[in-house]
Amino acid sequence: MALKALKTPSWLAVIFVSFILATHLPTACLAQDKPVSSNGNPTATADAMNPDPSSSTTSSAPTQTHTIQVGLADHVFKPDVTNASIGDTIEFLF
């Protein structure tokens, strides 16, 4: 008799499965949508908005090495703010 009870779903299990489907199914479907503007036309994607970086004619500054001291007696970073550009090296001295 106990096996028969396991084969039939209880009302709580049905409600639980329905709740899971109702909350997760729309998010899974909406995650597949493409961006659409308010007039119904598709919007530009990130690739269309950003041209190939290798075709850029801008020049870049030479790379720098930024040294940060960590864990001295006062337990702070020195300097506490560092402005590094893409390609720069940040060195941490412990």
N, C-alpha and C. Protein backbone atom coordinates (compact mmCIF):
# COMPACT_ATOMS: atom_id res chain seq x y z
N MET A 1 0.81 -1.18 0.00
CA MET A 1 0.00 0.00 0.00
C MET A 1 0.87 1.26 0.00
N ALA A 2 2.03 1.18 0.62
CA ALA A 2 2.93 2.33 0.63
C ALA A 2 3.47 2.60 -0.76
N LEU A 3 3.69 1.57 -1.56
CA LEU A 3 4.18 1.77 -2.91
C LEU A 3 3.15 2.48 -3.77
N LYS A 4 1.88 2.19 -3.57
CA LYS A 4 0.84 2.84 -4.34
C LYS A 4 0.79 4.34 -4.03
N ALA A 5 1.04 4.70 -2.81
CA ALA A 5 1.03 6.11 -2.43
C ALA A 5 2.19 6.86 -3.09
N LEU A 6 3.31 6.20 -3.32
CA LEU A 6 4.44 6.85 -3.96
C LEU A 6 4.21 7.07 -5.45
N LYS A 7 3.40 6.24 -6.07
CA LYS A 7 3.17 6.34 -7.50
C LYS A 7 2.22 7.47 -7.85
N THR A 8 1.32 7.81 -6.99
CA THR A 8 0.36 8.87 -7.29
C THR A 8 0.86 10.19 -6.71
N PRO A 9 0.93 11.25 -7.53
CA PRO A 9 1.42 12.53 -7.02
C PRO A 9 0.40 13.18 -6.10
N SER A 10 0.88 13.78 -5.08
CA SER A 10 -0.01 14.48 -4.16
C SER A 10 -0.32 15.87 -4.73
N TRP A 11 -1.32 16.51 -4.19
CA TRP A 11 -1.68 17.85 -4.65
C TRP A 11 -0.56 18.84 -4.39
N LEU A 12 0.22 18.61 -3.34
CA LEU A 12 1.33 19.51 -3.03
C LEU A 12 2.43 19.40 -4.08
N ALA A 13 2.70 18.18 -4.53
CA ALA A 13 3.71 17.98 -5.57
C ALA A 13 3.27 18.61 -6.88
N VAL A 14 2.00 18.49 -7.21
CA VAL A 14 1.48 19.10 -8.44
C VAL A 14 1.59 20.61 -8.37
N ILE A 15 1.26 21.19 -7.24
CA ILE A 15 1.37 22.64 -7.08
C ILE A 15 2.83 23.08 -7.16
N PHE A 16 3.73 22.31 -6.55
CA PHE A 16 5.15 22.65 -6.56
C PHE A 16 5.70 22.62 -7.98
N VAL A 17 5.40 21.57 -8.73
CA VAL A 17 5.88 21.47 -10.11
C VAL A 17 5.28 22.58 -10.96
N SER A 18 4.01 22.88 -10.76
CA SER A 18 3.38 23.96 -11.51
C SER A 18 4.03 25.30 -11.20
N PHE A 19 4.35 25.53 -9.94
CA PHE A 19 5.01 26.77 -9.55
C PHE A 19 6.39 26.89 -10.20
N ILE A 20 7.15 25.80 -10.19
CA ILE A 20 8.49 25.82 -10.80
C ILE A 20 8.38 26.10 -12.29
N LEU A 21 7.47 25.44 -12.97
CA LEU A 21 7.30 25.68 -14.40
C LEU A 21 6.83 27.10 -14.68
N ALA A 22 5.92 27.60 -13.88
CA ALA A 22 5.39 28.95 -14.10
C ALA A 22 6.44 30.02 -13.88
N THR A 23 7.39 29.78 -12.98
CA THR A 23 8.40 30.81 -12.71
C THR A 23 9.63 30.68 -13.59
N HIS A 24 10.00 29.48 -14.00
CA HIS A 24 11.24 29.30 -14.75
C HIS A 24 11.03 29.24 -16.26
N LEU A 25 9.91 28.78 -16.71
CA LEU A 25 9.68 28.67 -18.14
C LEU A 25 9.67 30.03 -18.84
N PRO A 26 8.98 31.06 -18.32
CA PRO A 26 9.02 32.36 -18.99
C PRO A 26 10.43 32.97 -19.03
N THR A 27 11.20 32.80 -17.98
CA THR A 27 12.55 33.37 -17.99
C THR A 27 13.44 32.66 -18.99
N ALA A 28 13.26 31.38 -19.17
CA ALA A 28 14.05 30.65 -20.16
C ALA A 28 13.67 31.08 -21.56
N CYS A 29 12.41 31.33 -21.80
CA CYS A 29 11.96 31.77 -23.12
C CYS A 29 12.36 33.21 -23.39
N LEU A 30 12.24 34.08 -22.40
CA LEU A 30 12.58 35.48 -22.59
C LEU A 30 14.07 35.69 -22.78
N ALA A 31 14.88 34.82 -22.25
CA ALA A 31 16.32 34.96 -22.39
C ALA A 31 16.76 34.74 -23.83
N GLN A 32 15.91 34.14 -24.65
CA GLN A 32 16.24 33.86 -26.04
C GLN A 32 15.86 35.00 -26.98
N ASP A 33 15.11 35.98 -26.49
CA ASP A 33 14.64 37.06 -27.35
C ASP A 33 15.79 37.95 -27.80
N LYS A 34 15.64 38.51 -29.01
CA LYS A 34 16.59 39.49 -29.51
C LYS A 34 16.08 40.86 -29.12
N PRO A 35 16.97 41.83 -28.92
CA PRO A 35 16.51 43.17 -28.53
C PRO A 35 15.68 43.81 -29.64
N VAL A 36 14.56 44.40 -29.26
CA VAL A 36 13.66 45.04 -30.21
C VAL A 36 13.38 46.45 -29.71
N SER A 37 13.43 47.41 -30.61
CA SER A 37 13.15 48.79 -30.22
C SER A 37 11.65 48.98 -30.05
N SER A 38 11.25 50.17 -29.62
CA SER A 38 9.83 50.43 -29.35
C SER A 38 8.98 50.41 -30.62
N ASN A 39 9.60 50.61 -31.80
CA ASN A 39 8.83 50.58 -33.04
C ASN A 39 8.76 49.18 -33.65
N GLY A 40 9.34 48.18 -33.00
CA GLY A 40 9.24 46.81 -33.47
C GLY A 40 10.41 46.35 -34.31
N ASN A 41 11.31 47.26 -34.66
CA ASN A 41 12.48 46.88 -35.45
C ASN A 41 13.58 46.37 -34.54
N PRO A 42 14.34 45.38 -34.99
CA PRO A 42 15.46 44.89 -34.16
C PRO A 42 16.48 46.00 -33.93
N THR A 43 17.06 46.02 -32.76
CA THR A 43 18.08 47.02 -32.45
C THR A 43 19.44 46.47 -32.82
N ALA A 44 20.41 47.36 -32.89
CA ALA A 44 21.77 46.95 -33.23
C ALA A 44 22.38 46.18 -32.07
N THR A 45 23.16 45.19 -32.41
CA THR A 45 23.83 44.41 -31.38
C THR A 45 25.17 45.04 -31.07
N ALA A 46 25.85 44.54 -30.07
CA ALA A 46 27.13 45.10 -29.66
C ALA A 46 28.16 44.98 -30.76
N ASP A 47 28.13 43.90 -31.56
CA ASP A 47 29.11 43.74 -32.63
C ASP A 47 28.92 44.78 -33.72
N ALA A 48 27.68 45.14 -34.00
CA ALA A 48 27.42 46.12 -35.04
C ALA A 48 27.78 47.52 -34.57
N MET A 49 27.68 47.76 -33.29
CA MET A 49 27.97 49.09 -32.77
C MET A 49 29.46 49.31 -32.59
N ASN A 50 30.24 48.25 -32.37
CA ASN A 50 31.68 48.37 -32.16
C ASN A 50 32.41 47.78 -33.35
N PRO A 51 33.09 48.59 -34.13
CA PRO A 51 33.82 48.05 -35.26
C PRO A 51 35.01 47.21 -34.79
N ASP A 52 35.61 46.53 -35.73
CA ASP A 52 36.75 45.67 -35.43
C ASP A 52 37.88 46.50 -34.83
N PRO A 53 38.34 46.16 -33.62
CA PRO A 53 39.38 46.98 -32.98
C PRO A 53 40.71 46.95 -33.73
N SER A 54 40.96 45.93 -34.54
CA SER A 54 42.23 45.88 -35.26
C SER A 54 42.27 46.89 -36.39
N SER A 55 41.11 47.40 -36.83
CA SER A 55 41.09 48.39 -37.90
C SER A 55 41.13 49.82 -37.37
N SER A 56 41.32 49.99 -36.08
CA SER A 56 41.34 51.31 -35.47
C SER A 56 42.63 52.03 -35.83
N THR A 57 42.54 53.35 -36.01
CA THR A 57 43.71 54.14 -36.36
C THR A 57 44.25 54.92 -35.17
N THR A 58 43.71 54.70 -33.98
CA THR A 58 44.19 55.43 -32.82
C THR A 58 45.48 54.82 -32.31
N SER A 59 46.31 55.66 -31.71
CA SER A 59 47.56 55.16 -31.14
C SER A 59 47.39 55.00 -29.64
N SER A 60 48.14 54.08 -29.07
CA SER A 60 48.01 53.85 -27.63
C SER A 60 49.29 54.29 -26.93
N ALA A 61 49.15 54.63 -25.67
CA ALA A 61 50.29 55.05 -24.86
C ALA A 61 51.12 53.81 -24.51
N PRO A 62 52.40 54.00 -24.23
CA PRO A 62 53.22 52.85 -23.83
C PRO A 62 52.72 52.29 -22.50
N THR A 63 52.89 51.00 -22.33
CA THR A 63 52.42 50.36 -21.10
C THR A 63 53.28 50.78 -19.92
N GLN A 64 52.65 50.80 -18.74
CA GLN A 64 53.34 51.18 -17.51
C GLN A 64 53.20 50.05 -16.50
N THR A 65 54.10 50.04 -15.53
CA THR A 65 54.00 49.11 -14.41
C THR A 65 53.66 49.91 -13.17
N HIS A 66 52.55 49.56 -12.53
CA HIS A 66 52.10 50.22 -11.31
C HIS A 66 52.42 49.29 -10.14
N THR A 67 53.14 49.79 -9.15
CA THR A 67 53.53 49.00 -7.99
C THR A 67 52.70 49.41 -6.78
N ILE A 68 52.09 48.42 -6.12
CA ILE A 68 51.25 48.67 -4.95
C ILE A 68 51.81 47.88 -3.79
N GLN A 69 52.07 48.57 -2.68
CA GLN A 69 52.55 47.90 -1.47
C GLN A 69 51.35 47.43 -0.66
N VAL A 70 51.40 46.16 -0.22
CA VAL A 70 50.27 45.55 0.48
C VAL A 70 50.74 44.97 1.80
N GLY A 71 49.94 45.15 2.85
CA GLY A 71 50.16 44.46 4.11
C GLY A 71 51.31 44.97 4.94
N LEU A 72 51.56 46.26 4.91
CA LEU A 72 52.57 46.81 5.80
C LEU A 72 52.00 46.89 7.21
N ALA A 73 52.66 47.56 8.11
CA ALA A 73 52.24 47.61 9.51
C ALA A 73 50.84 48.17 9.69
N ASP A 74 50.43 49.11 8.81
CA ASP A 74 49.10 49.71 8.97
C ASP A 74 48.02 48.99 8.16
N HIS A 75 48.36 47.92 7.44
CA HIS A 75 47.41 47.07 6.70
C HIS A 75 46.57 47.85 5.69
N VAL A 76 47.21 48.69 4.89
CA VAL A 76 46.52 49.42 3.83
C VAL A 76 47.31 49.26 2.54
N PHE A 77 46.64 49.57 1.42
CA PHE A 77 47.31 49.59 0.13
C PHE A 77 47.97 50.95 -0.04
N LYS A 78 49.20 50.97 -0.57
CA LYS A 78 49.87 52.24 -0.86
C LYS A 78 50.38 52.18 -2.28
N PRO A 79 49.89 52.99 -3.18
CA PRO A 79 48.84 53.99 -3.02
C PRO A 79 47.47 53.32 -2.94
N ASP A 80 46.50 54.02 -2.36
CA ASP A 80 45.17 53.43 -2.20
C ASP A 80 44.34 53.50 -3.48
N VAL A 81 44.74 54.35 -4.44
CA VAL A 81 44.05 54.45 -5.73
C VAL A 81 45.09 54.37 -6.83
N THR A 82 44.81 53.56 -7.84
CA THR A 82 45.70 53.42 -8.99
C THR A 82 44.88 53.51 -10.25
N ASN A 83 45.28 54.36 -11.18
CA ASN A 83 44.61 54.47 -12.47
C ASN A 83 45.47 53.77 -13.50
N ALA A 84 45.05 52.57 -13.90
CA ALA A 84 45.79 51.78 -14.88
C ALA A 84 44.98 51.70 -16.16
N SER A 85 45.69 51.72 -17.27
CA SER A 85 45.05 51.58 -18.57
C SER A 85 45.10 50.12 -19.00
N ILE A 86 44.36 49.81 -20.04
CA ILE A 86 44.38 48.45 -20.58
C ILE A 86 45.78 48.15 -21.07
N GLY A 87 46.32 47.02 -20.66
CA GLY A 87 47.66 46.62 -21.06
C GLY A 87 48.72 46.94 -20.02
N ASP A 88 48.40 47.79 -19.05
CA ASP A 88 49.35 48.11 -17.98
C ASP A 88 49.51 46.91 -17.05
N THR A 89 50.64 46.87 -16.35
CA THR A 89 50.92 45.81 -15.39
C THR A 89 50.79 46.38 -13.99
N ILE A 90 50.09 45.64 -13.13
CA ILE A 90 49.96 46.03 -11.72
C ILE A 90 50.71 45.00 -10.90
N GLU A 91 51.70 45.48 -10.15
CA GLU A 91 52.55 44.61 -9.34
C GLU A 91 52.22 44.84 -7.87
N PHE A 92 51.93 43.76 -7.15
CA PHE A 92 51.63 43.84 -5.72
C PHE A 92 52.83 43.34 -4.94
N LEU A 93 53.33 44.18 -4.04
CA LEU A 93 54.45 43.81 -3.17
C LEU A 93 53.91 43.53 -1.78
N PHE A 94 54.12 42.30 -1.28
CA PHE A 94 53.64 41.92 0.04
C PHE A 94 54.75 41.98 1.05
